[in-house]
C-alpha atoms as a PDB file:
ATOM      1  CA  MET A   1     -29.643   3.059 -30.871  1.00  0.00           C
ATOM      2  CA  HIS A   2     -29.109   1.944 -27.512  1.00  0.00           C
ATOM      3  CA  TYR A   3     -31.926   0.832 -25.435  1.00  0.00           C
ATOM      4  CA  VAL A   4     -32.726   0.752 -21.652  1.00  0.00           C
ATOM      5  CA  TYR A   5     -35.372  -2.508 -21.277  1.00  0.00           C
ATOM      6  CA  LEU A   6     -37.601  -3.547 -18.425  1.00  0.00           C
ATOM      7  CA  LEU A   7     -38.776  -7.469 -18.421  1.00  0.00           C
ATOM      8  CA  GLU A   8     -41.516  -9.123 -16.717  1.00  0.00           C
ATOM      9  CA  ASN A   9     -41.412 -12.856 -16.139  1.00  0.00           C
ATOM     10  CA  GLU A  10     -44.938 -13.509 -17.140  1.00  0.00           C
ATOM     11  CA  ASP A  11     -44.027 -16.981 -14.411  1.00  0.00           C
ATOM     12  CA  ASP A  12     -44.155 -14.875 -10.960  1.00  0.00           C
ATOM     13  CA  LYS A  13     -44.122 -11.618 -12.148  1.00  0.00           C
ATOM     14  CA  SER A  14     -40.215 -10.599 -11.407  1.00  0.00           C
ATOM     15  CA  TRP A  15     -38.789  -7.981 -13.487  1.00  0.00           C
ATOM     16  CA  TYR A  16     -35.461  -7.340 -14.766  1.00  0.00           C
ATOM     17  CA  ILE A  17     -33.954  -4.314 -15.838  1.00  0.00           C
ATOM     18  CA  GLY A  18     -31.007  -4.440 -18.838  1.00  0.00           C
ATOM     19  CA  PHE A  19     -29.535  -2.322 -21.571  1.00  0.00           C
ATOM     20  CA  THR A  20     -28.591  -3.325 -25.257  1.00  0.00           C
ATOM     21  CA  THR A  21     -28.092  -1.976 -28.875  1.00  0.00           C
ATOM     22  CA  ASN A  22     -30.575  -4.670 -30.306  1.00  0.00           C
ATOM     23  CA  ILE A  23     -33.885  -5.299 -28.275  1.00  0.00           C
ATOM     24  CA  GLU A  24     -35.794  -7.778 -29.934  1.00  0.00           C
ATOM     25  CA  GLU A  25     -32.415 -10.062 -30.518  1.00  0.00           C
ATOM     26  CA  ARG A  26     -31.605  -9.449 -26.725  1.00  0.00           C
ATOM     27  CA  VAL A  27     -35.153 -10.293 -25.591  1.00  0.00           C
ATOM     28  CA  ASN A  28     -34.864 -13.438 -27.603  1.00  0.00           C
ATOM     29  CA  ALA A  29     -31.379 -14.361 -25.778  1.00  0.00           C
ATOM     30  CA  HIS A  30     -33.337 -14.321 -22.657  1.00  0.00           C
ATOM     31  CA  ASN A  31     -35.774 -16.063 -23.423  1.00  0.00           C
ATOM     32  CA  GLN A  32     -33.934 -18.864 -24.852  1.00  0.00           C
ATOM     33  CA  SER A  33     -31.504 -18.894 -21.726  1.00  0.00           C
ATOM     34  CA  LYS A  34     -28.524 -17.061 -22.884  1.00  0.00           C
ATOM     35  CA  GLY A  35     -29.015 -13.812 -20.749  1.00  0.00           C
ATOM     36  CA  GLY A  36     -27.314 -13.325 -17.546  1.00  0.00           C
ATOM     37  CA  ARG A  37     -27.562 -15.594 -14.577  1.00  0.00           C
ATOM     38  CA  THR A  38     -31.073 -13.816 -13.236  1.00  0.00           C
ATOM     39  CA  THR A  39     -32.664 -14.460 -16.783  1.00  0.00           C
ATOM     40  CA  ARG A  40     -30.750 -17.486 -17.373  1.00  0.00           C
ATOM     41  CA  LEU A  41     -32.535 -19.435 -14.372  1.00  0.00           C
ATOM     42  CA  LYS A  42     -36.351 -18.590 -16.377  1.00  0.00           C
ATOM     43  CA  SER A  43     -38.233 -18.567 -19.200  1.00  0.00           C
ATOM     44  CA  HIS A  44     -40.939 -16.911 -20.176  1.00  0.00           C
ATOM     45  CA  TRP A  45     -39.637 -12.950 -20.080  1.00  0.00           C
ATOM     46  CA  LYS A  46     -41.996 -10.249 -21.304  1.00  0.00           C
ATOM     47  CA  LEU A  47     -40.926  -6.759 -23.079  1.00  0.00           C
ATOM     48  CA  ILE A  48     -42.947  -4.396 -21.073  1.00  0.00           C
ATOM     49  CA  TYR A  49     -40.907  -1.223 -21.058  1.00  0.00           C
ATOM     50  CA  TYR A  50     -38.307   0.429 -22.827  1.00  0.00           C
ATOM     51  CA  GLU A  51     -36.523   3.662 -23.381  1.00  0.00           C
ATOM     52  CA  MET A  52     -34.329   4.799 -26.496  1.00  0.00           C
ATOM     53  CA  TYR A  53     -30.600   6.858 -26.394  1.00  0.00           C
ATOM     54  CA  LEU A  54     -28.641   7.783 -28.998  1.00  0.00           C
ATOM     55  CA  ASN A  55     -25.810   8.172 -26.186  1.00  0.00           C
ATOM     56  CA  LYS A  56     -24.585   4.519 -24.593  1.00  0.00           C
ATOM     57  CA  MET A  57     -23.219   6.422 -21.220  1.00  0.00           C
ATOM     58  CA  ASP A  58     -26.724   7.994 -21.146  1.00  0.00           C
ATOM     59  CA  ALA A  59     -28.508   4.374 -21.617  1.00  0.00           C
ATOM     60  CA  ILE A  60     -26.059   3.151 -19.003  1.00  0.00           C
ATOM     61  CA  GLY A  61     -27.104   5.946 -16.390  1.00  0.00           C
ATOM     62  CA  ARG A  62     -30.996   5.438 -16.945  1.00  0.00           C
ATOM     63  CA  GLU A  63     -29.945   1.681 -16.450  1.00  0.00           C
ATOM     64  CA  LYS A  64     -28.851   2.151 -13.299  1.00  0.00           C
ATOM     65  CA  PHE A  65     -30.905   4.837 -12.229  1.00  0.00           C
ATOM     66  CA  LEU A  66     -34.018   2.299 -13.006  1.00  0.00           C
ATOM     67  CA  LYS A  67     -32.512  -0.261 -11.225  1.00  0.00           C
ATOM     68  CA  SER A  68     -32.414   1.836  -7.843  1.00  0.00           C
ATOM     69  CA  GLY A  69     -35.294   2.153  -5.749  1.00  0.00           C
ATOM     70  CA  SER A  70     -36.121   5.584  -6.595  1.00  0.00           C
ATOM     71  CA  GLY A  71     -35.783   4.233 -10.056  1.00  0.00           C
ATOM     72  CA  ARG A  72     -38.230   1.135  -9.517  1.00  0.00           C
ATOM     73  CA  ARG A  73     -41.098   3.359  -8.522  1.00  0.00           C
ATOM     74  CA  TYR A  74     -40.756   5.841 -11.589  1.00  0.00           C
ATOM     75  CA  LEU A  75     -41.472   2.172 -13.343  1.00  0.00           C
ATOM     76  CA  LYS A  76     -44.011   1.371 -10.810  1.00  0.00           C
ATOM     77  CA  LYS A  77     -45.697   4.740 -11.572  1.00  0.00           C
ATOM     78  CA  GLN A  78     -45.215   4.935 -15.205  1.00  0.00           C
ATOM     79  CA  LEU A  79     -46.961   1.703 -15.342  1.00  0.00           C
ATOM     80  CA  ILE A  80     -49.722   1.988 -13.275  1.00  0.00           C
ATOM     81  CA  HIS A  81     -52.342   0.886 -15.810  1.00  0.00           C
ATOM     82  CA  TYR A  82     -50.399  -2.472 -16.664  1.00  0.00           C
ATOM     83  CA  LEU A  83     -49.692  -3.764 -13.427  1.00  0.00           C
ATOM     84  CA  LYS A  84     -53.045  -3.145 -12.311  1.00  0.00           C
ATOM     85  CA  ASN A  85     -54.436  -5.402 -15.147  1.00  0.00           C
ATOM     86  CA  THR A  86     -51.978  -8.026 -14.661  1.00  0.00           C
END
């Protein structure tokens, strides 16, 4: 399986969108400052959304979309109830 995921920083509510084949391991790596530059500078990342794909290229394409302006608007719409409660 291939995962596209959205992390939220519990301190400043910033988001990080990524791609992995092992979501649990990857979230743990981000929280241990072993992720990319963006997540290494902060701690306290929480997984708030993910999608699973059978095909790697489908997942990579979805990650690129979610990182775009349209993709971020899509996520805000999908997570409207979560965002209202935080």
